[in-house]
């Protein structure tokens, strides 16, 4: 999975719309994400169930490859993309 972590819901929705309109997810992550994964375009690598927080995993393991969406966690708003 990849994500773009921001604190503001409005910005998260704006970024989600940009992704859905075809803008480069990796570039948006590098520009806006507050997570160290921003350097890698938001790529979090592979992970198994039980490794990430509940809301994160729920989205990732219930979405199809290529799925995008918003997830709210204790860390902020995540624009999520499932890679496989």
N, C-alpha and C. Protein backbone atom coordinates (compact mmCIF):
# COMPACT_ATOMS: atom_id res chain seq x y z
N UNK A 1 0.84 -1.19 0.00
CA UNK A 1 0.00 0.00 0.00
C UNK A 1 0.88 1.25 0.00
N UNK A 2 0.29 2.32 -0.45
CA UNK A 2 0.92 3.64 -0.39
C UNK A 2 -0.07 4.59 0.27
N UNK A 3 0.46 5.65 0.86
CA UNK A 3 -0.44 6.63 1.45
C UNK A 3 0.18 8.02 1.44
N UNK A 4 -0.72 8.98 1.60
CA UNK A 4 -0.34 10.38 1.78
C UNK A 4 -0.98 10.79 3.10
N UNK A 5 -0.17 11.09 4.08
CA UNK A 5 -0.67 11.45 5.41
C UNK A 5 -0.71 12.96 5.57
N UNK A 6 -1.90 13.48 5.88
CA UNK A 6 -2.07 14.91 6.15
C UNK A 6 -2.94 15.05 7.39
N UNK A 7 -2.90 16.22 8.00
CA UNK A 7 -3.68 16.44 9.22
C UNK A 7 -5.09 16.97 8.94
N UNK A 8 -5.28 17.59 7.78
CA UNK A 8 -6.51 18.29 7.46
C UNK A 8 -7.41 17.48 6.53
N UNK A 9 -8.65 17.27 6.91
CA UNK A 9 -9.59 16.50 6.09
C UNK A 9 -9.81 17.16 4.73
N UNK A 10 -9.91 18.49 4.69
CA UNK A 10 -10.13 19.18 3.43
C UNK A 10 -9.00 18.94 2.44
N UNK A 11 -7.77 19.01 2.92
CA UNK A 11 -6.62 18.74 2.06
C UNK A 11 -6.62 17.28 1.61
N UNK A 12 -6.97 16.38 2.50
CA UNK A 12 -7.02 14.96 2.14
C UNK A 12 -8.03 14.73 1.02
N UNK A 13 -9.19 15.35 1.11
CA UNK A 13 -10.21 15.19 0.06
C UNK A 13 -9.74 15.81 -1.26
N UNK A 14 -9.07 16.94 -1.17
CA UNK A 14 -8.52 17.59 -2.36
C UNK A 14 -7.49 16.69 -3.04
N UNK A 15 -6.61 16.10 -2.24
CA UNK A 15 -5.58 15.21 -2.79
C UNK A 15 -6.20 13.94 -3.38
N UNK A 16 -7.21 13.41 -2.72
CA UNK A 16 -7.91 12.23 -3.25
C UNK A 16 -8.50 12.55 -4.62
N UNK A 17 -9.14 13.70 -4.74
CA UNK A 17 -9.71 14.09 -6.04
C UNK A 17 -8.64 14.21 -7.10
N UNK A 18 -7.49 14.76 -6.75
CA UNK A 18 -6.39 14.87 -7.71
C UNK A 18 -5.92 13.50 -8.17
N UNK A 19 -5.82 12.56 -7.24
CA UNK A 19 -5.42 11.19 -7.60
C UNK A 19 -6.47 10.58 -8.53
N UNK A 20 -7.73 10.74 -8.20
CA UNK A 20 -8.80 10.19 -9.02
C UNK A 20 -8.85 10.82 -10.41
N UNK A 21 -8.38 12.06 -10.52
CA UNK A 21 -8.34 12.75 -11.81
C UNK A 21 -7.08 12.41 -12.60
N UNK A 22 -6.21 11.58 -12.02
CA UNK A 22 -5.05 11.11 -12.75
C UNK A 22 -3.72 11.73 -12.40
N UNK A 23 -3.68 12.62 -11.40
CA UNK A 23 -2.39 13.19 -11.01
C UNK A 23 -1.53 12.10 -10.37
N UNK A 24 -0.24 12.28 -10.43
CA UNK A 24 0.72 11.29 -9.95
C UNK A 24 0.69 11.17 -8.42
N UNK A 25 0.28 10.00 -7.95
CA UNK A 25 0.18 9.74 -6.51
C UNK A 25 1.54 9.97 -5.84
N UNK A 26 2.60 9.44 -6.43
CA UNK A 26 3.93 9.53 -5.83
C UNK A 26 4.37 10.98 -5.65
N UNK A 27 4.13 11.80 -6.66
CA UNK A 27 4.52 13.21 -6.57
C UNK A 27 3.71 13.95 -5.51
N UNK A 28 2.41 13.65 -5.44
CA UNK A 28 1.57 14.28 -4.42
C UNK A 28 2.04 13.86 -3.03
N UNK A 29 2.42 12.60 -2.87
CA UNK A 29 2.93 12.13 -1.57
C UNK A 29 4.22 12.87 -1.20
N UNK A 30 5.12 12.99 -2.16
CA UNK A 30 6.39 13.68 -1.89
C UNK A 30 6.16 15.14 -1.49
N UNK A 31 5.15 15.78 -2.07
CA UNK A 31 4.89 17.19 -1.82
C UNK A 31 4.11 17.43 -0.52
N UNK A 32 3.21 16.50 -0.16
CA UNK A 32 2.26 16.81 0.91
C UNK A 32 2.30 15.91 2.15
N UNK A 33 2.79 14.68 2.01
CA UNK A 33 2.69 13.73 3.12
C UNK A 33 3.59 14.10 4.28
N UNK A 34 3.09 13.89 5.48
CA UNK A 34 3.82 14.15 6.72
C UNK A 34 4.50 12.88 7.25
N UNK A 35 4.45 11.81 6.48
CA UNK A 35 5.04 10.53 6.87
C UNK A 35 6.43 10.39 6.24
N UNK A 36 7.37 9.75 6.92
CA UNK A 36 8.69 9.52 6.32
C UNK A 36 8.62 8.78 4.98
N UNK A 37 7.54 8.02 4.75
CA UNK A 37 7.39 7.30 3.48
C UNK A 37 7.22 8.24 2.30
N UNK A 38 7.04 9.53 2.55
CA UNK A 38 6.89 10.51 1.47
C UNK A 38 8.09 10.47 0.53
N UNK A 39 9.27 10.23 1.07
CA UNK A 39 10.49 10.16 0.25
C UNK A 39 10.39 9.08 -0.82
N UNK A 40 9.60 8.04 -0.53
CA UNK A 40 9.42 6.92 -1.47
C UNK A 40 8.07 7.02 -2.18
N UNK A 41 7.53 8.22 -2.27
CA UNK A 41 6.24 8.39 -2.93
C UNK A 41 5.08 7.81 -2.17
N UNK A 42 5.26 7.65 -0.86
CA UNK A 42 4.20 7.12 0.00
C UNK A 42 4.19 5.61 0.13
N UNK A 43 5.10 4.92 -0.56
CA UNK A 43 5.13 3.46 -0.56
C UNK A 43 5.48 2.93 0.82
N UNK A 44 4.61 2.07 1.35
CA UNK A 44 4.82 1.48 2.68
C UNK A 44 5.40 0.08 2.61
N UNK A 45 5.56 -0.44 1.41
CA UNK A 45 6.08 -1.80 1.26
C UNK A 45 5.01 -2.83 1.58
N UNK A 46 5.45 -4.07 1.67
CA UNK A 46 4.54 -5.18 1.97
C UNK A 46 4.35 -5.29 3.47
N UNK A 47 3.13 -5.65 3.88
CA UNK A 47 2.90 -5.92 5.30
C UNK A 47 1.78 -6.94 5.44
N UNK A 48 1.83 -7.68 6.52
CA UNK A 48 0.82 -8.70 6.84
C UNK A 48 -0.19 -8.11 7.81
N UNK A 49 -1.31 -8.80 7.93
CA UNK A 49 -2.31 -8.41 8.92
C UNK A 49 -1.66 -8.37 10.30
N UNK A 50 -2.09 -7.42 11.10
CA UNK A 50 -1.57 -7.29 12.45
C UNK A 50 -0.35 -6.39 12.56
N UNK A 51 0.12 -5.84 11.45
CA UNK A 51 1.31 -5.00 11.46
C UNK A 51 0.99 -3.50 11.46
N UNK A 52 -0.20 -3.14 11.00
CA UNK A 52 -0.59 -1.73 10.90
C UNK A 52 -1.80 -1.49 11.80
N UNK A 53 -2.16 -0.23 11.97
CA UNK A 53 -3.33 0.07 12.80
C UNK A 53 -4.61 -0.41 12.12
N UNK A 54 -5.62 -0.65 12.93
CA UNK A 54 -6.85 -1.31 12.50
C UNK A 54 -7.51 -0.64 11.30
N UNK A 55 -7.68 0.67 11.33
CA UNK A 55 -8.37 1.37 10.24
C UNK A 55 -7.62 1.23 8.91
N UNK A 56 -6.33 1.27 9.01
CA UNK A 56 -5.44 1.14 7.86
C UNK A 56 -5.61 -0.24 7.23
N UNK A 57 -5.50 -1.27 8.06
CA UNK A 57 -5.62 -2.64 7.58
C UNK A 57 -7.00 -2.93 7.01
N UNK A 58 -8.02 -2.41 7.66
CA UNK A 58 -9.38 -2.65 7.18
C UNK A 58 -9.52 -2.19 5.74
N UNK A 59 -9.01 -1.00 5.44
CA UNK A 59 -9.08 -0.50 4.06
C UNK A 59 -8.23 -1.35 3.13
N UNK A 60 -7.00 -1.59 3.51
CA UNK A 60 -6.07 -2.30 2.63
C UNK A 60 -6.51 -3.71 2.29
N UNK A 61 -7.00 -4.44 3.28
CA UNK A 61 -7.35 -5.83 3.05
C UNK A 61 -8.78 -6.03 2.55
N UNK A 62 -9.54 -4.95 2.45
CA UNK A 62 -10.89 -5.07 1.89
C UNK A 62 -11.01 -4.41 0.52
N UNK A 63 -9.94 -3.78 0.05
CA UNK A 63 -9.96 -3.10 -1.24
C UNK A 63 -9.25 -3.93 -2.30
N UNK A 64 -9.66 -3.72 -3.53
CA UNK A 64 -9.01 -4.39 -4.66
C UNK A 64 -7.74 -3.66 -5.04
N UNK A 65 -6.87 -4.33 -5.76
CA UNK A 65 -5.65 -3.73 -6.28
C UNK A 65 -6.00 -2.47 -7.05
N UNK A 66 -5.30 -1.39 -6.75
CA UNK A 66 -5.56 -0.11 -7.40
C UNK A 66 -6.60 0.74 -6.69
N UNK A 67 -7.23 0.18 -5.66
CA UNK A 67 -8.24 0.92 -4.92
C UNK A 67 -7.66 2.13 -4.21
N UNK A 68 -8.38 3.24 -4.22
CA UNK A 68 -7.97 4.44 -3.51
C UNK A 68 -9.11 4.91 -2.62
N UNK A 69 -8.77 5.60 -1.54
CA UNK A 69 -9.78 6.11 -0.64
C UNK A 69 -9.16 6.85 0.52
N UNK A 70 -10.03 7.33 1.40
CA UNK A 70 -9.60 8.07 2.59
C UNK A 70 -9.78 7.21 3.83
N UNK A 71 -8.82 7.32 4.73
CA UNK A 71 -8.89 6.63 6.01
C UNK A 71 -8.49 7.62 7.09
N UNK A 72 -9.30 7.71 8.14
CA UNK A 72 -9.02 8.58 9.29
C UNK A 72 -8.44 7.71 10.40
N UNK A 73 -7.29 8.11 10.94
CA UNK A 73 -6.69 7.40 12.07
C UNK A 73 -6.26 8.42 13.12
N UNK A 74 -5.67 7.94 14.18
CA UNK A 74 -5.16 8.81 15.24
C UNK A 74 -4.04 9.71 14.75
N UNK A 75 -3.43 9.37 13.60
CA UNK A 75 -2.32 10.14 13.06
C UNK A 75 -2.76 11.24 12.11
N UNK A 76 -3.99 11.15 11.62
CA UNK A 76 -4.52 12.13 10.68
C UNK A 76 -5.32 11.45 9.58
N UNK A 77 -5.33 12.08 8.43
CA UNK A 77 -6.06 11.59 7.27
C UNK A 77 -5.08 10.97 6.28
N UNK A 78 -5.42 9.79 5.79
CA UNK A 78 -4.57 9.07 4.86
C UNK A 78 -5.30 8.94 3.52
N UNK A 79 -4.68 9.41 2.47
CA UNK A 79 -5.16 9.08 1.12
C UNK A 79 -4.45 7.76 0.81
N UNK A 80 -5.22 6.71 0.68
CA UNK A 80 -4.67 5.37 0.55
C UNK A 80 -4.76 4.87 -0.89
N UNK A 81 -3.78 4.04 -1.25
CA UNK A 81 -3.81 3.33 -2.54
C UNK A 81 -3.28 1.92 -2.29
N UNK A 82 -4.07 0.94 -2.73
CA UNK A 82 -3.67 -0.45 -2.60
C UNK A 82 -2.89 -0.85 -3.84
N UNK A 83 -1.69 -1.35 -3.63
CA UNK A 83 -0.81 -1.68 -4.75
C UNK A 83 -0.94 -3.13 -5.20
N UNK A 84 -1.31 -4.04 -4.31
CA UNK A 84 -1.49 -5.43 -4.73
C UNK A 84 -2.40 -6.16 -3.77
